[in-house]
Amino acid sequence: MNDQQNPYDPYYPQPQIIGYDAYGQPVYQQQPAQAPQQPAYDPYAGQQQTAYGYDPYAQPQAPQQPQAPQQPSYDTYGDRQGQGYAPQPSYDPYESYGGGRQWQAAEPAAPVTAAPAGVPGQRPAPEPPAPQPAAPRRAETGDDRDYRTEQFSFIEEPDEDSEDVIDWLKFTESRSERREEARRRGRNRVIALVVVLVLAVVGGVGYLWSAGLLPGTGDAEKQGQASAGGPQRRDTIVLHLHDTQGGGTSTALLVDNSSTKQGTTVLLPNALAVADSEGTATTLGKSVEEDGSSGTREALGTLLGAKIAGTWRLDTPYLENLVEYLGGIEVDTDTTVPDPKGKKGADPLVVQGEQQTLTGRAAVAYATFRASGEAEAKQLQRFGQVVNGVLRKMPSDATNATGAVEYLQQIADPSLPEKDLGASLAKLAEHAKTGAYKTALLPVGQDGALAEGAGDSVVKDILGGKVTALDASGVPRVSIKDGTGEDAVEAAKVVLINGGYAFVGGSKTESRAKSEVVYGDDAQKATAAEVAKTLGLPAGSVTKGKPAGTAAVTVVLGRDYEIPGAS
């Protein structure tokens, strides 16, 4: 039992109500403190009337003496006792969940004027309090806090968490925009790539079509025509090897066929009959010595009906230097070549055998070697082997090939500068390295005229020569075959040259009774008739056939031909 007496005990003097506070609660006059007394237990005093009703748990209390006024005190829940109470701010346990709201204590109420004192010892009925919003009781709300909502007000304050939320939303929105922008850029890249691929395919097909590489078009079709004898692109240069020690020359045509991707060395015998600039018959060997590079090139072009781009004059010392520059060449030698400067019994300079490595000096000796009584064709074949070996070692790049030519420091022919010569050799070297290279010998008769079939196997197929009515100067080309049994070629040649025709070679043939003037093209029928008239042959001797070589007209002389000046 508490020492403090219950102020509502019926045996205790009731304090006097001196007024009401702002919340309608009675304000009592303070009584002087009395000594605590031991209350007597009354089992039937369990219900006593208080200012708020009956207290079922009230204990009997002894009367207390009045006490001096005390300072207002507060109970456990902040209820005021006495006067001078000032509302204090209370802690809100839900502040962290208030979304930026805080509780604030309400302003203290204005002082209340004390009511007139009543009859001593009598408890007057309390005046009804001013209407106020009813606060929920703790027992009803289940809340153990003894305050009412009207004591507080809300203050809106910014919350850092709200700023974080806004920043997060902005970040999320920005990231979404970046993702969408990345997807858009990705789609644009895919579209651009597809467009580029389409353009590349279309451009590639267009290039193949324009270049004729598609089936049935352009060069692809020309390749088929090429095998059937169609027009082809060729680059031809003439090579003269001058032997500064033993004398004489060796001549070959280097042909680059870019249509068939094939290279060829055409060996030309020195006995080949050609016509000089005046139309006089001569041999290839004499033409090189007398007419020089330019005259010989024109004579060969006239005879073979092929366009020759230029001349490469290679003296034997330059050939030796070129082979040394290339580091030697490999050749399948067909004979043993002695060292011309070696002593008796010295080792040969070249040994017969396959894949023989030749130095510069050995290459020159092998290319110019001709045994006693040996045909000129054997020496030409060795010359062709050396040319082929050089091309296999020559750089296939035009710049490097030109560098090899410049290393020789030889005097270049005006028709073929070093740069153009290097480019031509590079193309030929590419064919030689891939095995698309061959060597052919132009067949000629004993009299130097082109042998039968030479026009098809070499002139037409390799050189692309074509028999035409007129040469570049408009002069018809005429060849002679002597079947008189006598030497009538020289006499007939003089007559033809005086008649304004270009003599392109004469040869012997089997004896025959009647002469013939043969033309191949119908456009040459009139020319053939004029040739027959010039030689004094009957008009009936003109016939259509196949002229020899590249001649427009071939005259076959029979025993009926009257040789001028013969007795």
Protein backbone atom coordinates (compact mmCIF):
# COMPACT_ATOMS: atom_id res chain seq x y z
CA MET A 1 0.00 0.00 0.00
CA ASN A 2 1.28 3.44 -0.99
CA ASP A 3 2.18 5.96 1.70
CA GLN A 4 0.42 8.62 -0.31
CA GLN A 5 -3.21 8.91 0.72
CA ASN A 6 -5.83 8.68 -1.97
CA PRO A 7 -7.35 12.19 -2.30
CA TYR A 8 -10.69 10.61 -3.12
CA ASP A 9 -10.92 8.55 0.06
CA PRO A 10 -14.28 9.41 1.78
CA TYR A 11 -12.49 9.68 5.10
CA TYR A 12 -10.03 12.12 3.75
CA PRO A 13 -10.85 15.82 3.49
CA GLN A 14 -11.65 16.55 -0.14
CA PRO A 15 -9.47 19.20 -1.76
CA GLN A 16 -11.16 22.25 -3.04
CA ILE A 17 -11.57 22.68 -6.81
CA ILE A 18 -10.28 26.04 -7.79
CA GLY A 19 -10.86 25.79 -11.54
CA TYR A 20 -10.42 23.78 -14.75
CA ASP A 21 -7.58 23.64 -17.18
CA ALA A 22 -7.74 23.98 -20.93
CA TYR A 23 -8.65 20.33 -21.34
CA GLY A 24 -11.58 20.43 -18.90
CA GLN A 25 -9.83 18.75 -16.04
CA PRO A 26 -10.44 20.08 -12.41
CA VAL A 27 -7.62 21.95 -10.72
CA TYR A 28 -7.45 21.31 -6.91
CA GLN A 29 -6.08 23.41 -4.11
CA GLN A 30 -2.98 21.87 -2.60
CA GLN A 31 -3.27 20.55 0.99
CA PRO A 32 -0.51 20.57 3.59
CA ALA A 33 1.32 17.30 3.90
CA GLN A 34 0.41 15.03 6.83
CA ALA A 35 2.15 12.20 8.47
CA PRO A 36 1.31 8.95 6.85
CA GLN A 37 -1.12 6.77 8.78
CA GLN A 38 -1.75 3.12 8.59
CA PRO A 39 -5.10 2.77 6.87
CA ALA A 40 -7.61 0.32 8.22
CA TYR A 41 -8.69 -2.30 5.84
CA ASP A 42 -12.34 -2.22 4.95
CA PRO A 43 -13.41 -5.18 2.87
CA TYR A 44 -16.58 -3.42 1.91
CA ALA A 45 -14.98 -0.20 0.92
CA GLY A 46 -13.91 -1.58 -2.40
CA GLN A 47 -16.11 0.76 -4.35
CA GLN A 48 -15.88 4.44 -3.53
CA GLN A 49 -17.04 7.35 -5.54
CA THR A 50 -14.38 9.51 -7.10
CA ALA A 51 -14.49 12.59 -9.21
CA TYR A 52 -14.69 10.29 -12.28
CA GLY A 53 -16.97 7.61 -10.75
CA TYR A 54 -16.27 4.67 -8.50
CA ASP A 55 -12.86 3.15 -7.84
CA PRO A 56 -13.29 -0.58 -7.32
CA TYR A 57 -9.69 -0.92 -6.15
CA ALA A 58 -9.61 2.08 -3.79
CA GLN A 59 -8.17 1.32 -0.33
CA PRO A 60 -9.35 2.98 2.90
CA GLN A 61 -7.12 5.88 3.76
CA ALA A 62 -6.69 7.76 7.01
CA PRO A 63 -7.37 11.49 6.91
CA GLN A 64 -4.29 13.54 6.13
CA GLN A 65 -3.35 16.96 7.27
CA PRO A 66 -3.23 19.73 4.75
CA GLN A 67 0.17 20.04 3.09
CA ALA A 68 2.01 22.95 1.71
CA PRO A 69 1.71 23.62 -2.01
CA GLN A 70 4.10 21.53 -4.08
CA GLN A 71 5.51 21.90 -7.52
CA PRO A 72 3.54 20.10 -10.15
CA SER A 73 4.75 16.59 -10.82
CA TYR A 74 4.19 14.14 -13.63
CA ASP A 75 3.24 10.55 -13.56
CA THR A 76 4.74 7.82 -15.65
CA TYR A 77 2.68 8.77 -18.69
CA GLY A 78 3.21 12.49 -18.47
CA ASP A 79 -0.14 13.38 -16.72
CA ARG A 80 0.15 16.64 -14.96
CA GLN A 81 -0.49 17.05 -11.26
CA GLY A 82 -0.91 20.51 -9.92
CA GLN A 83 -0.64 23.85 -11.64
CA GLY A 84 1.84 25.40 -13.99
CA TYR A 85 1.90 22.52 -16.46
CA ALA A 86 3.47 23.23 -19.77
CA PRO A 87 2.98 20.64 -22.51
CA GLN A 88 6.24 18.97 -23.47
CA PRO A 89 6.98 17.46 -26.84
CA SER A 90 6.69 13.74 -26.83
CA TYR A 91 8.59 11.17 -28.84
CA ASP A 92 6.83 9.71 -31.80
CA PRO A 93 7.88 6.06 -32.26
CA TYR A 94 6.57 6.20 -35.84
CA GLU A 95 8.66 9.18 -36.83
CA SER A 96 10.92 7.10 -39.09
CA TYR A 97 7.85 5.85 -40.91
CA GLY A 98 6.06 9.19 -41.13
CA GLY A 99 7.27 10.07 -44.63
CA GLY A 100 8.75 13.38 -43.55
CA ARG A 101 6.22 14.22 -40.77
CA GLN A 102 7.19 15.04 -37.17
CA TRP A 103 5.14 15.65 -34.13
CA GLN A 104 5.23 19.09 -32.51
CA ALA A 105 3.88 19.95 -29.12
CA ALA A 106 0.84 22.21 -29.14
CA GLU A 107 1.01 25.71 -27.73
CA PRO A 108 0.27 25.89 -23.94
CA ALA A 109 -3.22 26.98 -23.06
CA ALA A 110 -3.99 30.38 -21.64
CA PRO A 111 -4.15 30.69 -17.82
CA VAL A 112 -7.49 29.81 -16.30
CA THR A 113 -9.11 32.06 -13.72
CA ALA A 114 -9.91 30.23 -10.48
CA ALA A 115 -13.57 29.73 -9.71
CA PRO A 116 -15.12 31.09 -6.45
CA ALA A 117 -14.58 28.86 -3.48
CA GLY A 118 -17.54 26.77 -2.31
CA VAL A 119 -18.67 25.54 1.04
CA PRO A 120 -15.83 24.06 3.05
CA GLY A 121 -15.98 20.30 3.27
CA GLN A 122 -18.47 20.01 0.46
CA ARG A 123 -17.43 18.90 -3.01
CA PRO A 124 -19.32 20.96 -5.48
CA ALA A 125 -20.43 19.44 -8.73
CA PRO A 126 -17.91 20.12 -11.42
CA GLU A 127 -18.88 22.45 -14.18
CA PRO A 128 -19.15 20.87 -17.56
CA PRO A 129 -15.92 21.32 -19.50
CA ALA A 130 -15.76 23.27 -22.73
CA PRO A 131 -16.40 21.15 -25.80
CA GLN A 132 -13.14 19.57 -26.88
CA PRO A 133 -12.35 16.77 -29.28
CA ALA A 134 -12.50 13.58 -27.30
CA ALA A 135 -9.21 11.75 -27.02
CA PRO A 136 -9.34 8.00 -27.21
CA ARG A 137 -8.69 6.23 -23.96
CA ARG A 138 -5.72 3.97 -23.62
CA ALA A 139 -7.91 1.07 -22.74
CA GLU A 140 -9.93 1.55 -25.97
CA THR A 141 -7.10 2.24 -28.41
CA GLY A 142 -4.67 -0.21 -26.97
CA ASP A 143 -1.99 2.50 -27.02
CA ASP A 144 -0.01 2.99 -23.80
CA ARG A 145 0.77 6.64 -24.62
CA ASP A 146 -1.21 9.18 -22.57
CA TYR A 147 -1.48 12.00 -25.12
CA ARG A 148 -4.04 13.15 -27.60
CA THR A 149 -3.63 14.06 -31.20
CA GLU A 150 -4.80 17.62 -30.66
CA GLN A 151 -1.61 18.26 -28.72
CA PHE A 152 0.47 17.89 -31.89
CA SER A 153 0.67 19.27 -35.38
CA PHE A 154 2.51 18.12 -38.56
CA ILE A 155 5.36 19.91 -40.23
CA GLU A 156 6.25 19.03 -43.81
CA GLU A 157 10.01 18.62 -44.13
CA PRO A 158 12.03 17.23 -47.03
CA ASP A 159 13.33 13.79 -46.52
CA GLU A 160 16.67 12.58 -47.88
CA ASP A 161 15.06 9.24 -48.65
CA SER A 162 12.62 10.95 -50.99
CA GLU A 163 15.54 12.60 -52.82
CA ASP A 164 17.18 9.18 -53.11
CA VAL A 165 13.99 7.79 -54.60
CA ILE A 166 13.86 10.61 -57.14
CA ASP A 167 17.51 10.07 -58.02
CA TRP A 168 16.89 6.34 -58.41
CA LEU A 169 13.95 7.01 -60.70
CA LYS A 170 16.06 9.38 -62.75
CA PHE A 171 18.87 6.79 -62.92
CA THR A 172 16.43 4.06 -63.92
CA GLU A 173 14.89 6.26 -66.58
CA SER A 174 18.31 7.30 -67.86
CA ARG A 175 19.50 3.69 -68.01
CA SER A 176 16.36 2.68 -69.87
CA GLU A 177 16.95 5.46 -72.36
CA ARG A 178 20.56 4.36 -72.81
CA ARG A 179 19.46 0.78 -73.40
CA GLU A 180 16.90 1.90 -75.95
CA GLU A 181 19.49 4.11 -77.64
CA ALA A 182 21.94 1.17 -77.73
CA ARG A 183 19.25 -1.04 -79.30
CA ARG A 184 18.51 1.66 -81.85
CA ARG A 185 22.19 2.03 -82.73
CA GLY A 186 22.49 -1.73 -82.99
CA ARG A 187 19.57 -1.90 -85.40
CA ASN A 188 21.10 0.93 -87.43
CA ARG A 189 24.43 -0.92 -87.59
CA VAL A 190 22.72 -4.12 -88.74
CA ILE A 191 20.81 -2.22 -91.42
CA ALA A 192 24.00 -0.46 -92.55
CA LEU A 193 25.86 -3.79 -92.67
CA VAL A 194 23.11 -5.38 -94.73
CA VAL A 195 23.16 -2.43 -97.13
CA VAL A 196 26.97 -2.67 -97.47
CA LEU A 197 26.78 -6.41 -98.12
CA VAL A 198 24.07 -5.93 -100.72
CA LEU A 199 26.09 -3.21 -102.44
CA ALA A 200 29.21 -5.40 -102.31
CA VAL A 201 27.37 -8.33 -103.86
CA VAL A 202 25.79 -6.16 -106.52
CA GLY A 203 29.13 -4.46 -107.22
CA GLY A 204 30.93 -7.79 -107.37
CA VAL A 205 28.39 -9.24 -109.77
CA GLY A 206 28.57 -6.06 -111.82
CA TYR A 207 32.34 -6.25 -111.93
CA LEU A 208 32.29 -9.91 -112.95
CA TRP A 209 29.73 -9.11 -115.62
CA SER A 210 31.67 -6.12 -116.92
CA ALA A 211 34.90 -8.11 -116.83
CA GLY A 212 33.17 -10.99 -118.61
CA LEU A 213 33.93 -13.50 -115.85
CA LEU A 214 30.36 -14.70 -115.45
CA PRO A 215 29.41 -17.87 -117.31
CA GLY A 216 28.42 -17.08 -120.85
CA THR A 217 29.69 -13.49 -120.79
CA GLY A 218 32.82 -11.50 -121.54
CA ASP A 219 36.23 -13.03 -120.99
CA ALA A 220 34.73 -16.27 -119.71
CA GLU A 221 33.14 -16.68 -123.11
CA LYS A 222 36.30 -15.39 -124.77
CA GLN A 223 38.26 -18.10 -123.00
CA GLY A 224 36.11 -20.64 -124.77
CA GLN A 225 36.54 -18.77 -128.01
CA ALA A 226 40.27 -18.61 -127.39
CA SER A 227 40.53 -22.37 -127.34
CA ALA A 228 38.56 -22.38 -130.57
CA GLY A 229 40.88 -19.88 -132.20
CA GLY A 230 39.17 -16.63 -131.20
CA PRO A 231 40.97 -13.32 -130.71
CA GLN A 232 43.35 -13.19 -127.79
CA ARG A 233 45.42 -10.53 -126.06
CA ARG A 234 49.15 -10.95 -126.53
CA ASP A 235 52.26 -8.96 -125.64
CA THR A 236 55.25 -9.90 -127.80
CA ILE A 237 58.86 -8.68 -127.62
CA VAL A 238 61.83 -9.87 -129.66
CA LEU A 239 65.06 -10.94 -127.89
CA HIS A 240 68.44 -10.88 -129.62
CA LEU A 241 71.37 -12.57 -127.85
CA HIS A 242 74.64 -11.22 -129.29
CA ASP A 243 77.68 -13.49 -128.79
CA THR A 244 80.51 -11.03 -128.26
CA GLN A 245 83.12 -13.81 -128.17
CA GLY A 246 82.17 -16.25 -130.91
CA GLY A 247 80.09 -13.91 -133.03
CA GLY A 248 76.60 -14.42 -134.34
CA THR A 249 73.18 -13.89 -132.80
CA SER A 250 70.33 -15.94 -131.49
CA THR A 251 66.76 -14.62 -131.78
CA ALA A 252 63.55 -15.51 -129.97
CA LEU A 253 60.11 -14.04 -129.52
CA LEU A 254 58.81 -13.80 -125.89
CA VAL A 255 55.02 -14.03 -126.01
CA ASP A 256 52.73 -13.28 -123.06
CA ASN A 257 49.18 -14.44 -123.77
CA SER A 258 47.07 -12.79 -121.05
CA SER A 259 43.88 -14.43 -122.36
CA THR A 260 45.08 -18.01 -121.87
CA LYS A 261 47.53 -17.16 -119.04
CA GLN A 262 50.30 -18.79 -121.03
CA GLY A 263 53.86 -17.76 -121.86
CA THR A 264 55.88 -18.98 -124.82
CA THR A 265 59.37 -18.60 -126.21
CA VAL A 266 59.33 -18.88 -130.02
CA LEU A 267 62.80 -19.66 -131.36
CA LEU A 268 63.58 -18.13 -134.76
CA PRO A 269 66.31 -19.66 -136.94
CA ASN A 270 68.81 -17.26 -138.46
CA ALA A 271 68.04 -18.80 -141.84
CA LEU A 272 64.48 -17.50 -141.74
CA ALA A 273 63.83 -15.57 -144.95
CA VAL A 274 62.56 -12.04 -144.36
CA ALA A 275 62.25 -8.95 -146.52
CA ASP A 276 64.16 -5.80 -145.76
CA SER A 277 62.71 -2.32 -145.84
CA GLU A 278 63.08 -2.23 -149.65
CA GLY A 279 61.35 -5.57 -150.07
CA THR A 280 64.56 -7.41 -150.84
CA ALA A 281 64.77 -10.95 -149.49
CA THR A 282 67.32 -11.58 -146.79
CA THR A 283 67.82 -13.82 -143.78
CA LEU A 284 67.05 -13.07 -140.16
CA GLY A 285 70.73 -13.29 -139.20
CA LYS A 286 71.74 -10.76 -141.85
CA SER A 287 68.86 -8.48 -140.95
CA VAL A 288 69.98 -8.29 -137.32
CA GLU A 289 73.53 -7.40 -138.38
CA GLU A 290 72.64 -5.03 -141.20
CA ASP A 291 69.22 -3.55 -140.46
CA GLY A 292 69.54 -3.47 -136.69
CA SER A 293 66.80 -3.89 -134.12
CA SER A 294 64.20 -1.63 -135.67
CA GLY A 295 64.46 -3.00 -139.23
CA THR A 296 64.46 -6.60 -138.06
CA ARG A 297 61.45 -6.02 -135.82
CA GLU A 298 59.47 -4.60 -138.73
CA ALA A 299 60.55 -7.42 -141.05
CA LEU A 300 59.43 -10.06 -138.56
CA GLY A 301 56.14 -8.31 -138.01
CA THR A 302 55.54 -8.23 -141.76
CA LEU A 303 56.48 -11.86 -142.23
CA LEU A 304 54.58 -13.33 -139.30
CA GLY A 305 51.65 -10.93 -139.29
CA ALA A 306 52.18 -10.35 -135.56
CA LYS A 307 52.49 -7.12 -133.64
CA ILE A 308 55.86 -6.90 -131.89
CA ALA A 309 55.97 -4.30 -129.08
CA GLY A 310 59.74 -3.87 -128.75
CA THR A 311 63.25 -5.32 -128.90
CA TRP A 312 65.48 -6.51 -126.03
CA ARG A 313 69.14 -6.70 -127.08
CA LEU A 314 71.10 -8.82 -124.63
CA ASP A 315 74.83 -9.20 -125.16
CA THR A 316 76.46 -12.26 -123.60
CA PRO A 317 78.29 -10.28 -120.84
CA TYR A 318 74.93 -8.87 -119.71
CA LEU A 319 73.41 -12.37 -119.71
CA GLU A 320 76.26 -13.54 -117.49
CA ASN A 321 75.68 -10.67 -115.07
CA LEU A 322 71.92 -11.27 -115.02
CA VAL A 323 72.31 -14.96 -114.13
CA GLU A 324 74.78 -14.08 -111.37
CA TYR A 325 72.36 -11.44 -110.06
CA LEU A 326 69.63 -14.09 -109.88
CA GLY A 327 71.91 -16.49 -108.01
CA GLY A 328 72.31 -19.00 -110.84
CA ILE A 329 69.74 -21.00 -112.80
CA GLU A 330 68.79 -24.67 -113.11
CA VAL A 331 68.68 -26.37 -116.50
CA ASP A 332 68.31 -29.95 -117.75
CA THR A 333 71.43 -29.94 -119.92
CA ASP A 334 71.56 -32.21 -123.00
CA THR A 335 75.30 -32.08 -123.55
CA THR A 336 78.62 -31.44 -121.87
CA VAL A 337 80.19 -28.08 -122.62
CA PRO A 338 83.97 -27.72 -122.17
CA ASP A 339 85.48 -24.64 -120.65
CA PRO A 340 86.76 -22.56 -123.57
CA LYS A 341 89.30 -20.88 -121.32
CA GLY A 342 90.29 -24.01 -119.46
CA LYS A 343 93.46 -25.98 -119.97
CA LYS A 344 93.53 -29.31 -121.69
CA GLY A 345 92.06 -31.97 -119.46
CA ALA A 346 90.29 -29.41 -117.24
CA ASP A 347 86.82 -30.09 -115.93
CA PRO A 348 84.01 -29.14 -118.30
CA LEU A 349 82.12 -25.94 -117.68
CA VAL A 350 78.74 -27.63 -118.06
CA VAL A 351 77.97 -31.25 -117.25
CA GLN A 352 75.16 -33.12 -118.93
CA GLY A 353 72.30 -34.02 -116.59
CA GLU A 354 69.04 -32.97 -115.05
CA GLN A 355 68.66 -29.95 -112.79
CA GLN A 356 72.17 -28.72 -113.36
CA THR A 357 72.95 -25.42 -111.62
CA LEU A 358 74.59 -23.01 -114.02
CA THR A 359 76.53 -19.93 -113.10
CA GLY A 360 76.51 -16.87 -115.30
CA ARG A 361 79.54 -17.98 -117.30
CA ALA A 362 78.24 -21.54 -117.66
CA ALA A 363 74.81 -20.26 -118.77
CA VAL A 364 76.37 -18.20 -121.56
CA ALA A 365 78.52 -21.16 -122.68
CA TYR A 366 75.54 -23.50 -122.76
CA ALA A 367 73.20 -21.01 -124.58
CA THR A 368 75.73 -20.38 -127.40
CA PHE A 369 77.21 -23.88 -127.74
CA ARG A 370 76.88 -25.62 -131.12
CA ALA A 371 78.83 -28.75 -131.76
CA SER A 372 80.57 -29.30 -135.04
CA GLY A 373 78.11 -30.43 -137.72
CA GLU A 374 75.17 -29.88 -135.39
CA ALA A 375 71.98 -28.27 -136.68
CA GLU A 376 71.20 -24.72 -135.70
CA ALA A 377 67.96 -25.89 -134.07
CA LYS A 378 69.94 -27.70 -131.31
CA GLN A 379 71.76 -24.52 -130.32
CA LEU A 380 68.46 -22.59 -130.37
CA GLN A 381 66.87 -25.13 -128.03
CA ARG A 382 69.72 -24.66 -125.53
CA PHE A 383 69.23 -20.92 -125.80
CA GLY A 384 65.54 -21.44 -125.05
CA GLN A 385 66.38 -23.54 -121.97
CA VAL A 386 68.54 -20.73 -120.57
CA VAL A 387 65.78 -18.17 -121.22
CA ASN A 388 63.29 -20.37 -119.41
CA GLY A 389 65.67 -20.81 -116.46
CA VAL A 390 66.19 -17.04 -116.23
CA LEU A 391 62.44 -16.38 -116.23
CA ARG A 392 61.90 -18.91 -113.42
CA LYS A 393 64.35 -16.98 -111.25
CA MET A 394 63.20 -13.52 -112.35
CA PRO A 395 60.97 -11.70 -109.80
CA SER A 396 57.28 -11.81 -110.74
CA ASP A 397 56.83 -8.33 -109.29
CA ALA A 398 57.20 -5.58 -111.89
CA THR A 399 59.17 -3.30 -109.56
CA ASN A 400 61.73 -5.95 -108.60
CA ALA A 401 61.98 -7.20 -112.17
CA THR A 402 62.68 -3.67 -113.33
CA GLY A 403 65.36 -3.44 -110.65
CA ALA A 404 67.04 -6.53 -112.10
CA VAL A 405 67.03 -4.96 -115.56
CA GLU A 406 68.43 -1.69 -114.23
CA TYR A 407 71.19 -3.63 -112.47
CA LEU A 408 72.58 -4.65 -115.86
CA GLN A 409 73.16 -1.02 -116.85
CA GLN A 410 72.78 -1.85 -120.51
CA ILE A 411 71.65 0.57 -123.17
CA ALA A 412 67.93 0.09 -123.54
CA ASP A 413 66.27 0.02 -126.93
CA PRO A 414 64.05 3.09 -127.46
CA SER A 415 61.16 0.80 -128.35
CA LEU A 416 61.33 -0.94 -124.97
CA PRO A 417 62.38 1.18 -121.94
CA GLU A 418 63.64 -0.55 -118.82
CA LYS A 419 60.33 -0.07 -116.99
CA ASP A 420 58.31 -1.66 -119.80
CA LEU A 421 60.84 -4.47 -120.18
CA GLY A 422 60.68 -5.18 -116.44
CA ALA A 423 56.87 -5.32 -116.54
CA SER A 424 56.93 -7.77 -119.48
CA LEU A 425 59.53 -10.00 -117.84
CA ALA A 426 57.53 -10.04 -114.59
CA LYS A 427 54.45 -11.38 -116.42
CA LEU A 428 56.49 -14.03 -118.18
CA ALA A 429 58.16 -14.98 -114.90
CA GLU A 430 54.75 -15.54 -113.32
CA HIS A 431 53.86 -18.01 -116.08
CA ALA A 432 57.22 -19.76 -115.78
CA LYS A 433 56.88 -20.19 -112.02
CA THR A 434 53.42 -21.76 -112.35
CA GLY A 435 54.47 -24.11 -115.15
CA ALA A 436 52.38 -22.29 -117.77
CA TYR A 437 55.35 -21.74 -120.04
CA LYS A 438 56.61 -23.56 -123.12
CA THR A 439 59.18 -23.25 -125.89
CA ALA A 440 58.42 -23.63 -129.58
CA LEU A 441 60.66 -23.62 -132.68
CA LEU A 442 59.45 -21.88 -135.83
CA PRO A 443 59.96 -24.44 -138.61
CA VAL A 444 61.53 -23.20 -141.83
CA GLY A 445 62.71 -24.89 -145.00
CA GLN A 446 66.24 -25.07 -146.34
CA ASP A 447 65.65 -21.95 -148.31
CA GLY A 448 64.45 -20.13 -145.18
CA ALA A 449 60.76 -20.09 -146.10
CA LEU A 450 58.18 -21.08 -143.56
CA ALA A 451 57.54 -24.80 -143.61
CA GLU A 452 54.12 -26.21 -144.35
CA GLY A 453 51.89 -26.04 -141.28
CA ALA A 454 53.97 -23.39 -139.57
CA GLY A 455 51.17 -20.88 -140.09
CA ASP A 456 48.77 -22.97 -137.99
CA SER A 457 51.01 -24.38 -135.26
CA VAL A 458 53.07 -21.30 -134.45
CA VAL A 459 52.09 -18.20 -136.35
CA LYS A 460 48.35 -18.47 -135.83
CA ASP A 461 48.06 -20.29 -132.50
CA ILE A 462 50.98 -18.77 -130.60
CA LEU A 463 51.65 -15.45 -132.27
CA GLY A 464 48.10 -14.76 -133.34
CA GLY A 465 49.29 -13.99 -136.84
CA LYS A 466 46.65 -13.67 -139.50
CA VAL A 467 47.12 -13.60 -143.23
CA THR A 468 45.84 -10.31 -144.56
CA ALA A 469 45.61 -8.86 -148.02
CA LEU A 470 47.86 -5.94 -147.27
CA ASP A 471 50.57 -5.23 -144.79
CA ALA A 472 50.83 -1.99 -142.83
CA SER A 473 52.07 -0.13 -145.89
CA GLY A 474 49.30 -1.51 -148.16
CA VAL A 475 51.66 -3.79 -150.16
CA PRO A 476 50.46 -7.37 -150.82
CA ARG A 477 52.76 -10.10 -149.52
CA VAL A 478 53.73 -12.80 -152.00
CA SER A 479 55.72 -16.01 -151.46
CA ILE A 480 57.17 -18.35 -154.10
CA LYS A 481 57.55 -22.12 -154.35
CA ASP A 482 59.83 -23.25 -157.18
CA GLY A 483 58.68 -26.42 -158.97
CA THR A 484 60.42 -25.74 -162.27
CA GLY A 485 63.32 -28.01 -161.58
CA GLU A 486 65.60 -25.04 -162.02
CA ASP A 487 66.53 -22.06 -159.83
CA ALA A 488 63.71 -19.66 -160.68
CA VAL A 489 63.13 -18.06 -157.28
CA GLU A 490 65.56 -15.17 -157.66
CA ALA A 491 64.29 -14.21 -161.08
CA ALA A 492 60.64 -14.35 -160.00
CA LYS A 493 61.42 -12.38 -156.84
CA VAL A 494 62.94 -9.53 -158.84
CA VAL A 495 59.89 -9.39 -161.06
CA LEU A 496 57.52 -9.29 -158.11
CA ILE A 497 59.47 -6.58 -156.27
CA ASN A 498 59.59 -4.48 -159.43
CA GLY A 499 55.86 -4.98 -159.73
CA GLY A 500 55.30 -3.42 -156.31
CA TYR A 501 54.78 -6.57 -154.24
CA ALA A 502 56.48 -7.59 -150.99
CA PHE A 503 58.42 -10.79 -151.33
CA VAL A 504 58.13 -12.81 -148.11
CA GLY A 505 60.09 -15.93 -148.94
CA GLY A 506 60.79 -18.61 -151.51
CA SER A 507 61.43 -22.33 -151.31
CA LYS A 508 61.85 -25.40 -153.44
CA THR A 509 59.04 -27.88 -154.08
CA GLU A 510 58.41 -30.95 -156.22
CA SER A 511 58.63 -30.48 -159.95
CA ARG A 512 55.33 -29.89 -161.69
CA ALA A 513 54.10 -29.10 -165.18
CA LYS A 514 51.78 -26.17 -164.65
CA SER A 515 52.05 -23.10 -162.42
CA GLU A 516 49.43 -21.93 -159.90
CA VAL A 517 48.71 -18.64 -158.17
CA VAL A 518 46.95 -19.47 -154.88
CA TYR A 519 44.89 -17.04 -152.80
CA GLY A 520 43.05 -17.79 -149.55
CA ASP A 521 40.60 -14.92 -149.13
CA ASP A 522 38.06 -14.00 -151.79
CA ALA A 523 39.16 -10.39 -151.37
CA GLN A 524 42.58 -11.42 -152.67
CA LYS A 525 41.30 -12.93 -155.92
CA ALA A 526 41.97 -9.74 -157.84
CA THR A 527 45.46 -9.47 -156.30
CA ALA A 528 46.19 -13.04 -157.32
CA ALA A 529 45.12 -12.25 -160.92
CA GLU A 530 47.48 -9.25 -160.96
CA VAL A 531 50.36 -11.36 -159.64
CA ALA A 532 49.76 -13.96 -162.37
CA LYS A 533 49.73 -11.25 -165.03
CA THR A 534 52.97 -9.75 -163.60
CA LEU A 535 54.76 -13.11 -163.84
CA GLY A 536 53.38 -13.84 -167.33
CA LEU A 537 51.20 -16.73 -166.18
CA PRO A 538 47.79 -17.47 -167.74
CA ALA A 539 44.63 -16.23 -165.99
CA GLY A 540 43.48 -19.82 -165.56
CA SER A 541 46.35 -20.47 -163.17
CA VAL A 542 44.64 -18.44 -160.42
CA THR A 543 42.96 -20.73 -157.91
CA LYS A 544 41.60 -20.59 -154.38
CA GLY A 545 43.50 -22.54 -151.74
CA LYS A 546 45.79 -22.03 -148.79
CA PRO A 547 48.75 -19.69 -149.22
CA ALA A 548 51.99 -20.52 -147.42
CA GLY A 549 52.74 -18.80 -144.14
CA THR A 550 51.45 -15.27 -143.85
CA ALA A 551 51.56 -14.48 -147.53
CA ALA A 552 48.41 -13.15 -149.17
CA VAL A 553 49.28 -14.97 -152.37
CA THR A 554 51.59 -17.92 -152.99
CA VAL A 555 52.96 -18.59 -156.45
CA VAL A 556 53.81 -22.22 -157.28
CA LEU A 557 56.03 -22.12 -160.38
CA GLY A 558 55.81 -25.01 -162.85
CA ARG A 559 57.77 -25.96 -165.93
CA ASP A 560 55.44 -23.75 -167.98
CA TYR A 561 56.96 -20.68 -166.36
CA GLU A 562 59.40 -18.87 -168.57
CA ILE A 563 62.32 -17.63 -166.51
CA PRO A 564 63.26 -14.07 -167.50
CA GLY A 565 66.70 -13.89 -169.15
CA ALA A 566 66.93 -17.68 -169.60
CA SER A 567 68.22 -18.82 -173.01
